[in-house]
Amino acid sequence: MKIHEGSKLLFIGDSITDWSRARPIGEALFDSLGTGYVGLVNAFLNVTHAAQRIRVVNMGVSANTVRDLEARWSTDVEALNPDWLSIMIGVNDVWRQFDARLQTENHVLIGEYEATLERLILRTKPRLKGLVLMAPYFVEFNRADPMRKMIDDYGAVVKKLAEKHGAIFADTQAAFDEVMTEIHPMGIATDRVHPTLTGHMIIARAFLKAVGYPV
């Protein structure tokens, strides 16, 4: 596995990452990491890599866009000094263009999305041992669906930035697409965004596979 022994691994993102994590910092006892994919990743690491003492922190915040990440980056990432950082952001950047289409001030268009995410990468990567960029996803079969198509475009930006800056790319959309051949989207995410436990397991597995965990 690529994550180094004794590392602090910080996850940041929106509600999919947050998933009822503790405040102000999601870490340590009980369900402080939330009950979603971050908690599942931590459980896998505890069960099979306990000797490596990997410290997991969850700093997801519901409804966040990449703009919101930038606004809290100094306190929620830099001040916590992670060794490894995982970023999954983008679904709200896209979603607000559909469910709040007239509130254009809340729309994060793809050019702003790419520029902001790249600023955060450049600002942080020199301090890190490892960076994982996770694609946003939409649990929808039809790739011609307007929101699915836009999510795919934003995911392509994440992949491009990962390749450009030597980060690990976790293709969560591809992971969902694979499972959707057998399980209907309603069994994975009833609103096509917020996952069931099965959906969170898909995300956790995509992350673990990307960092070389044998799943």
C-alpha atoms as a PDB file:
ATOM      1  CA  MET A   1       0.000   0.000   0.000  1.00  0.00           C
ATOM      2  CA  LYS A   2       1.224   3.483  -0.896  1.00  0.00           C
ATOM      3  CA  ILE A   3       0.222   5.274   2.326  1.00  0.00           C
ATOM      4  CA  HIS A   4       3.255   5.493   4.575  1.00  0.00           C
ATOM      5  CA  GLU A   5       3.471   4.116   8.086  1.00  0.00           C
ATOM      6  CA  GLY A   6       2.576   6.677  10.747  1.00  0.00           C
ATOM      7  CA  SER A   7       0.799   8.957   8.257  1.00  0.00           C
ATOM      8  CA  LYS A   8      -2.041  11.338   9.011  1.00  0.00           C
ATOM      9  CA  LEU A   9      -4.592  10.846   6.226  1.00  0.00           C
ATOM     10  CA  LEU A  10      -7.079  13.703   5.856  1.00  0.00           C
ATOM     11  CA  PHE A  11     -10.250  13.514   3.766  1.00  0.00           C
ATOM     12  CA  ILE A  12     -11.948  16.726   2.638  1.00  0.00           C
ATOM     13  CA  GLY A  13     -15.081  17.242   0.581  1.00  0.00           C
ATOM     14  CA  ASP A  14     -18.824  17.807   0.769  1.00  0.00           C
ATOM     15  CA  SER A  15     -21.738  15.905   2.362  1.00  0.00           C
ATOM     16  CA  ILE A  16     -20.612  12.604   0.843  1.00  0.00           C
ATOM     17  CA  THR A  17     -17.395  12.899   2.849  1.00  0.00           C
ATOM     18  CA  ASP A  18     -18.959  14.605   5.893  1.00  0.00           C
ATOM     19  CA  TRP A  19     -21.676  12.015   6.567  1.00  0.00           C
ATOM     20  CA  SER A  20     -22.327  13.132  10.171  1.00  0.00           C
ATOM     21  CA  ARG A  21     -18.692  13.369  11.233  1.00  0.00           C
ATOM     22  CA  ALA A  22     -17.816  15.067  14.527  1.00  0.00           C
ATOM     23  CA  ARG A  23     -17.158  18.799  14.850  1.00  0.00           C
ATOM     24  CA  PRO A  24     -14.869  20.656  14.754  1.00  0.00           C
ATOM     25  CA  ILE A  25     -12.554  17.813  13.693  1.00  0.00           C
ATOM     26  CA  GLY A  26     -13.782  14.381  12.716  1.00  0.00           C
ATOM     27  CA  GLU A  27     -11.416  11.995  14.436  1.00  0.00           C
ATOM     28  CA  ALA A  28     -11.061   9.366  17.157  1.00  0.00           C
ATOM     29  CA  LEU A  29     -13.874   7.889  19.252  1.00  0.00           C
ATOM     30  CA  PHE A  30     -17.135   6.235  18.254  1.00  0.00           C
ATOM     31  CA  ASP A  31     -18.526   7.565  14.940  1.00  0.00           C
ATOM     32  CA  SER A  32     -16.432  10.744  14.895  1.00  0.00           C
ATOM     33  CA  LEU A  33     -15.302   9.964  11.351  1.00  0.00           C
ATOM     34  CA  GLY A  34     -18.910   9.721  10.228  1.00  0.00           C
ATOM     35  CA  THR A  35     -20.684   6.604   9.061  1.00  0.00           C
ATOM     36  CA  GLY A  36     -19.782   6.863   5.384  1.00  0.00           C
ATOM     37  CA  TYR A  37     -16.822   5.954   3.203  1.00  0.00           C
ATOM     38  CA  VAL A  38     -14.232   7.669   5.438  1.00  0.00           C
ATOM     39  CA  GLY A  39     -15.268   5.512   8.377  1.00  0.00           C
ATOM     40  CA  LEU A  40     -15.151   2.434   6.158  1.00  0.00           C
ATOM     41  CA  VAL A  41     -11.629   3.253   4.948  1.00  0.00           C
ATOM     42  CA  ASN A  42     -10.519   3.721   8.534  1.00  0.00           C
ATOM     43  CA  ALA A  43     -12.101   0.400   9.542  1.00  0.00           C
ATOM     44  CA  PHE A  44     -10.296  -1.470   6.765  1.00  0.00           C
ATOM     45  CA  LEU A  45      -6.979   0.105   7.706  1.00  0.00           C
ATOM     46  CA  ASN A  46      -7.495  -0.682  11.399  1.00  0.00           C
ATOM     47  CA  VAL A  47      -8.342  -4.302  10.710  1.00  0.00           C
ATOM     48  CA  THR A  48      -5.552  -5.099   8.250  1.00  0.00           C
ATOM     49  CA  HIS A  49      -2.867  -2.427   8.746  1.00  0.00           C
ATOM     50  CA  ALA A  50      -3.099  -1.609  12.453  1.00  0.00           C
ATOM     51  CA  ALA A  51       0.679  -1.800  12.889  1.00  0.00           C
ATOM     52  CA  GLN A  52       1.099   1.046  10.391  1.00  0.00           C
ATOM     53  CA  ARG A  53      -0.753   3.442  12.749  1.00  0.00           C
ATOM     54  CA  ILE A  54      -2.438   5.485  10.013  1.00  0.00           C
ATOM     55  CA  ARG A  55      -4.365   8.356  11.581  1.00  0.00           C
ATOM     56  CA  VAL A  56      -7.558   9.235   9.665  1.00  0.00           C
ATOM     57  CA  VAL A  57      -9.262  12.646   9.868  1.00  0.00           C
ATOM     58  CA  ASN A  58     -12.548  13.675   8.231  1.00  0.00           C
ATOM     59  CA  MET A  59     -13.043  17.346   7.307  1.00  0.00           C
ATOM     60  CA  GLY A  60     -15.994  17.057   4.933  1.00  0.00           C
ATOM     61  CA  VAL A  61     -18.707  19.733   5.134  1.00  0.00           C
ATOM     62  CA  SER A  62     -22.166  19.234   3.677  1.00  0.00           C
ATOM     63  CA  ALA A  63     -23.152  21.379   0.644  1.00  0.00           C
ATOM     64  CA  ASN A  64     -19.584  22.499  -0.045  1.00  0.00           C
ATOM     65  CA  THR A  65     -18.299  23.426  -3.475  1.00  0.00           C
ATOM     66  CA  VAL A  66     -14.665  23.925  -4.397  1.00  0.00           C
ATOM     67  CA  ARG A  67     -15.143  27.613  -3.507  1.00  0.00           C
ATOM     68  CA  ASP A  68     -16.040  26.605   0.035  1.00  0.00           C
ATOM     69  CA  LEU A  69     -12.997  24.341   0.276  1.00  0.00           C
ATOM     70  CA  GLU A  70     -10.731  27.221  -0.669  1.00  0.00           C
ATOM     71  CA  ALA A  71     -12.362  29.484   1.935  1.00  0.00           C
ATOM     72  CA  ARG A  72     -11.590  27.017   4.764  1.00  0.00           C
ATOM     73  CA  TRP A  73      -8.375  25.494   3.443  1.00  0.00           C
ATOM     74  CA  SER A  74      -6.009  27.183   5.880  1.00  0.00           C
ATOM     75  CA  THR A  75      -7.885  25.965   8.976  1.00  0.00           C
ATOM     76  CA  ASP A  76      -9.222  22.631   7.742  1.00  0.00           C
ATOM     77  CA  VAL A  77      -6.206  21.357   5.816  1.00  0.00           C
ATOM     78  CA  GLU A  78      -3.019  23.357   6.292  1.00  0.00           C
ATOM     79  CA  ALA A  79      -3.375  23.848  10.053  1.00  0.00           C
ATOM     80  CA  LEU A  80      -3.885  20.086  10.518  1.00  0.00           C
ATOM     81  CA  ASN A  81      -0.646  19.185   8.689  1.00  0.00           C
ATOM     82  CA  PRO A  82      -1.713  15.976   6.938  1.00  0.00           C
ATOM     83  CA  ASP A  83       0.837  13.668   5.352  1.00  0.00           C
ATOM     84  CA  TRP A  84      -1.720  12.349   2.891  1.00  0.00           C
ATOM     85  CA  LEU A  85      -4.701  14.291   1.580  1.00  0.00           C
ATOM     86  CA  SER A  86      -7.782  13.041  -0.290  1.00  0.00           C
ATOM     87  CA  ILE A  87     -10.037  15.554  -2.051  1.00  0.00           C
ATOM     88  CA  MET A  88     -13.469  14.703  -3.424  1.00  0.00           C
ATOM     89  CA  ILE A  89     -15.421  17.757  -4.546  1.00  0.00           C
ATOM     90  CA  GLY A  90     -17.569  18.727  -7.493  1.00  0.00           C
ATOM     91  CA  VAL A  91     -21.068  17.316  -7.160  1.00  0.00           C
ATOM     92  CA  ASN A  92     -22.483  20.537  -5.670  1.00  0.00           C
ATOM     93  CA  ASP A  93     -20.532  22.629  -8.173  1.00  0.00           C
ATOM     94  CA  VAL A  94     -22.552  20.785 -10.827  1.00  0.00           C
ATOM     95  CA  TRP A  95     -25.811  20.156  -8.947  1.00  0.00           C
ATOM     96  CA  ARG A  96     -26.510  23.821  -8.185  1.00  0.00           C
ATOM     97  CA  GLN A  97     -26.579  24.428 -11.942  1.00  0.00           C
ATOM     98  CA  PHE A  98     -29.603  22.105 -12.086  1.00  0.00           C
ATOM     99  CA  ASP A  99     -31.535  22.384  -8.816  1.00  0.00           C
ATOM    100  CA  ALA A 100     -30.919  26.141  -8.376  1.00  0.00           C
ATOM    101  CA  ARG A 101     -30.538  27.108 -12.005  1.00  0.00           C
ATOM    102  CA  LEU A 102     -31.587  30.749 -11.524  1.00  0.00           C
ATOM    103  CA  GLN A 103     -29.207  31.379  -8.604  1.00  0.00           C
ATOM    104  CA  THR A 104     -26.255  31.800 -10.905  1.00  0.00           C
ATOM    105  CA  GLU A 105     -24.099  33.335  -8.175  1.00  0.00           C
ATOM    106  CA  ASN A 106     -23.891  29.836  -6.646  1.00  0.00           C
ATOM    107  CA  HIS A 107     -22.866  28.120  -9.864  1.00  0.00           C
ATOM    108  CA  VAL A 108     -19.233  27.027 -10.075  1.00  0.00           C
ATOM    109  CA  LEU A 109     -18.592  26.699 -13.786  1.00  0.00           C
ATOM    110  CA  ILE A 110     -15.978  24.310 -15.034  1.00  0.00           C
ATOM    111  CA  GLY A 111     -13.301  26.940 -15.636  1.00  0.00           C
ATOM    112  CA  GLU A 112     -13.545  28.217 -12.058  1.00  0.00           C
ATOM    113  CA  TYR A 113     -13.678  24.650 -10.774  1.00  0.00           C
ATOM    114  CA  GLU A 114     -10.454  23.701 -12.523  1.00  0.00           C
ATOM    115  CA  ALA A 115      -8.605  26.901 -11.590  1.00  0.00           C
ATOM    116  CA  THR A 116      -9.609  26.718  -7.915  1.00  0.00           C
ATOM    117  CA  LEU A 117      -8.809  23.027  -7.542  1.00  0.00           C
ATOM    118  CA  GLU A 118      -5.433  23.555  -9.176  1.00  0.00           C
ATOM    119  CA  ARG A 119      -4.653  26.447  -6.822  1.00  0.00           C
ATOM    120  CA  LEU A 120      -5.360  24.183  -3.852  1.00  0.00           C
ATOM    121  CA  ILE A 121      -3.160  21.439  -5.297  1.00  0.00           C
ATOM    122  CA  LEU A 122      -0.265  23.818  -5.915  1.00  0.00           C
ATOM    123  CA  ARG A 123      -0.666  25.357  -2.472  1.00  0.00           C
ATOM    124  CA  THR A 124      -0.611  22.025  -0.647  1.00  0.00           C
ATOM    125  CA  LYS A 125       1.174  19.304  -2.598  1.00  0.00           C
ATOM    126  CA  PRO A 126       4.736  20.354  -1.626  1.00  0.00           C
ATOM    127  CA  ARG A 127       3.842  19.654   2.037  1.00  0.00           C
ATOM    128  CA  LEU A 128       2.396  16.198   1.381  1.00  0.00           C
ATOM    129  CA  LYS A 129       3.709  12.670   1.058  1.00  0.00           C
ATOM    130  CA  GLY A 130       0.725  11.792  -1.099  1.00  0.00           C
ATOM    131  CA  LEU A 131      -2.350  13.347  -2.713  1.00  0.00           C
ATOM    132  CA  VAL A 132      -5.471  11.515  -3.897  1.00  0.00           C
ATOM    133  CA  LEU A 133      -7.956  13.261  -6.181  1.00  0.00           C
ATOM    134  CA  MET A 134     -11.326  11.515  -6.305  1.00  0.00           C
ATOM    135  CA  ALA A 135     -13.669  12.148  -9.214  1.00  0.00           C
ATOM    136  CA  PRO A 136     -17.163  13.461  -8.513  1.00  0.00           C
ATOM    137  CA  TYR A 137     -19.908  11.076  -9.615  1.00  0.00           C
ATOM    138  CA  PHE A 138     -23.595  10.849 -10.508  1.00  0.00           C
ATOM    139  CA  VAL A 139     -25.338   7.491 -10.102  1.00  0.00           C
ATOM    140  CA  GLU A 140     -27.087   7.469 -13.481  1.00  0.00           C
ATOM    141  CA  PHE A 141     -26.992   4.889 -16.281  1.00  0.00           C
ATOM    142  CA  ASN A 142     -27.658   7.334 -19.094  1.00  0.00           C
ATOM    143  CA  ARG A 143     -24.451   9.140 -20.006  1.00  0.00           C
ATOM    144  CA  ALA A 144     -26.455  11.565 -22.164  1.00  0.00           C
ATOM    145  CA  ASP A 145     -28.362  12.766 -19.086  1.00  0.00           C
ATOM    146  CA  PRO A 146     -27.382  16.463 -18.754  1.00  0.00           C
ATOM    147  CA  MET A 147     -26.169  16.231 -15.158  1.00  0.00           C
ATOM    148  CA  ARG A 148     -24.323  12.953 -15.789  1.00  0.00           C
ATOM    149  CA  LYS A 149     -22.643  14.498 -18.832  1.00  0.00           C
ATOM    150  CA  MET A 150     -21.549  17.555 -16.843  1.00  0.00           C
ATOM    151  CA  ILE A 151     -20.270  15.421 -13.959  1.00  0.00           C
ATOM    152  CA  ASP A 152     -18.209  13.444 -16.463  1.00  0.00           C
ATOM    153  CA  ASP A 153     -16.704  16.703 -17.738  1.00  0.00           C
ATOM    154  CA  TYR A 154     -15.782  17.790 -14.204  1.00  0.00           C
ATOM    155  CA  GLY A 155     -14.365  14.333 -13.504  1.00  0.00           C
ATOM    156  CA  ALA A 156     -12.192  14.656 -16.613  1.00  0.00           C
ATOM    157  CA  VAL A 157     -10.772  17.864 -15.099  1.00  0.00           C
ATOM    158  CA  VAL A 158      -9.877  15.992 -11.909  1.00  0.00           C
ATOM    159  CA  LYS A 159      -8.147  13.254 -13.907  1.00  0.00           C
ATOM    160  CA  LYS A 160      -6.230  15.829 -15.949  1.00  0.00           C
ATOM    161  CA  LEU A 161      -5.045  17.658 -12.812  1.00  0.00           C
ATOM    162  CA  ALA A 162      -4.020  14.375 -11.168  1.00  0.00           C
ATOM    163  CA  GLU A 163      -1.898  13.480 -14.182  1.00  0.00           C
ATOM    164  CA  LYS A 164      -0.454  16.997 -14.435  1.00  0.00           C
ATOM    165  CA  HIS A 165       0.562  17.196 -10.777  1.00  0.00           C
ATOM    166  CA  GLY A 166       1.525  13.590 -10.055  1.00  0.00           C
ATOM    167  CA  ALA A 167      -1.438  12.849  -7.792  1.00  0.00           C
ATOM    168  CA  ILE A 168      -3.282   9.545  -7.479  1.00  0.00           C
ATOM    169  CA  PHE A 169      -6.607   9.539  -9.339  1.00  0.00           C
ATOM    170  CA  ALA A 170      -9.528   7.559  -7.880  1.00  0.00           C
ATOM    171  CA  ASP A 171     -12.229   7.127 -10.530  1.00  0.00           C
ATOM    172  CA  THR A 172     -15.325   6.867  -8.369  1.00  0.00           C
ATOM    173  CA  GLN A 173     -17.641   7.327 -11.351  1.00  0.00           C
ATOM    174  CA  ALA A 174     -16.154   4.262 -13.049  1.00  0.00           C
ATOM    175  CA  ALA A 175     -16.555   2.337  -9.793  1.00  0.00           C
ATOM    176  CA  PHE A 176     -20.270   3.195  -9.655  1.00  0.00           C
ATOM    177  CA  ASP A 177     -20.716   2.411 -13.353  1.00  0.00           C
ATOM    178  CA  GLU A 178     -19.285  -1.069 -12.802  1.00  0.00           C
ATOM    179  CA  VAL A 179     -21.693  -1.869  -9.961  1.00  0.00           C
ATOM    180  CA  MET A 180     -24.671  -0.388 -11.839  1.00  0.00           C
ATOM    181  CA  THR A 181     -24.427  -3.257 -14.319  1.00  0.00           C
ATOM    182  CA  GLU A 182     -25.819  -5.475 -11.539  1.00  0.00           C
ATOM    183  CA  ILE A 183     -27.504  -3.145  -9.014  1.00  0.00           C
ATOM    184  CA  HIS A 184     -30.072  -0.488  -9.920  1.00  0.00           C
ATOM    185  CA  PRO A 185     -29.034   3.080  -9.012  1.00  0.00           C
ATOM    186  CA  MET A 186     -31.852   3.278  -6.446  1.00  0.00           C
ATOM    187  CA  GLY A 187     -30.018   0.617  -4.447  1.00  0.00           C
ATOM    188  CA  ILE A 188     -26.850   2.698  -4.444  1.00  0.00           C
ATOM    189  CA  ALA A 189     -28.043   6.315  -4.059  1.00  0.00           C
ATOM    190  CA  THR A 190     -31.765   7.083  -3.957  1.00  0.00           C
ATOM    191  CA  ASP A 191     -31.268  10.683  -5.152  1.00  0.00           C
ATOM    192  CA  ARG A 192     -28.377   9.578  -7.417  1.00  0.00           C
ATOM    193  CA  VAL A 193     -25.883  11.507  -5.242  1.00  0.00           C
ATOM    194  CA  HIS A 194     -26.104  10.604  -1.539  1.00  0.00           C
ATOM    195  CA  PRO A 195     -25.080   6.962  -1.224  1.00  0.00           C
ATOM    196  CA  THR A 196     -26.529   4.066   0.689  1.00  0.00           C
ATOM    197  CA  LEU A 197     -24.068   1.989   2.702  1.00  0.00           C
ATOM    198  CA  THR A 198     -23.470   0.010  -0.482  1.00  0.00           C
ATOM    199  CA  GLY A 199     -22.638   3.264  -2.258  1.00  0.00           C
ATOM    200  CA  HIS A 200     -20.224   4.284   0.475  1.00  0.00           C
ATOM    201  CA  MET A 201     -18.541   0.894   0.187  1.00  0.00           C
ATOM    202  CA  ILE A 202     -18.094   1.522  -3.549  1.00  0.00           C
ATOM    203  CA  ILE A 203     -16.352   4.836  -2.788  1.00  0.00           C
ATOM    204  CA  ALA A 204     -14.203   3.330  -0.037  1.00  0.00           C
ATOM    205  CA  ARG A 205     -13.146   0.498  -2.336  1.00  0.00           C
ATOM    206  CA  ALA A 206     -12.289   2.933  -5.149  1.00  0.00           C
ATOM    207  CA  PHE A 207     -10.091   4.925  -2.769  1.00  0.00           C
ATOM    208  CA  LEU A 208      -8.377   1.846  -1.342  1.00  0.00           C
ATOM    209  CA  LYS A 209      -7.702   0.378  -4.783  1.00  0.00           C
ATOM    210  CA  ALA A 210      -6.183   3.689  -5.908  1.00  0.00           C
ATOM    211  CA  VAL A 211      -3.701   3.693  -3.020  1.00  0.00           C
ATOM    212  CA  GLY A 212      -2.702   0.102  -3.614  1.00  0.00           C
ATOM    213  CA  TYR A 213      -4.767  -1.601  -0.929  1.00  0.00           C
ATOM    214  CA  PRO A 214      -5.495  -5.198  -2.007  1.00  0.00           C
ATOM    215  CA  VAL A 215      -9.298  -5.193  -2.490  1.00  0.00           C
END
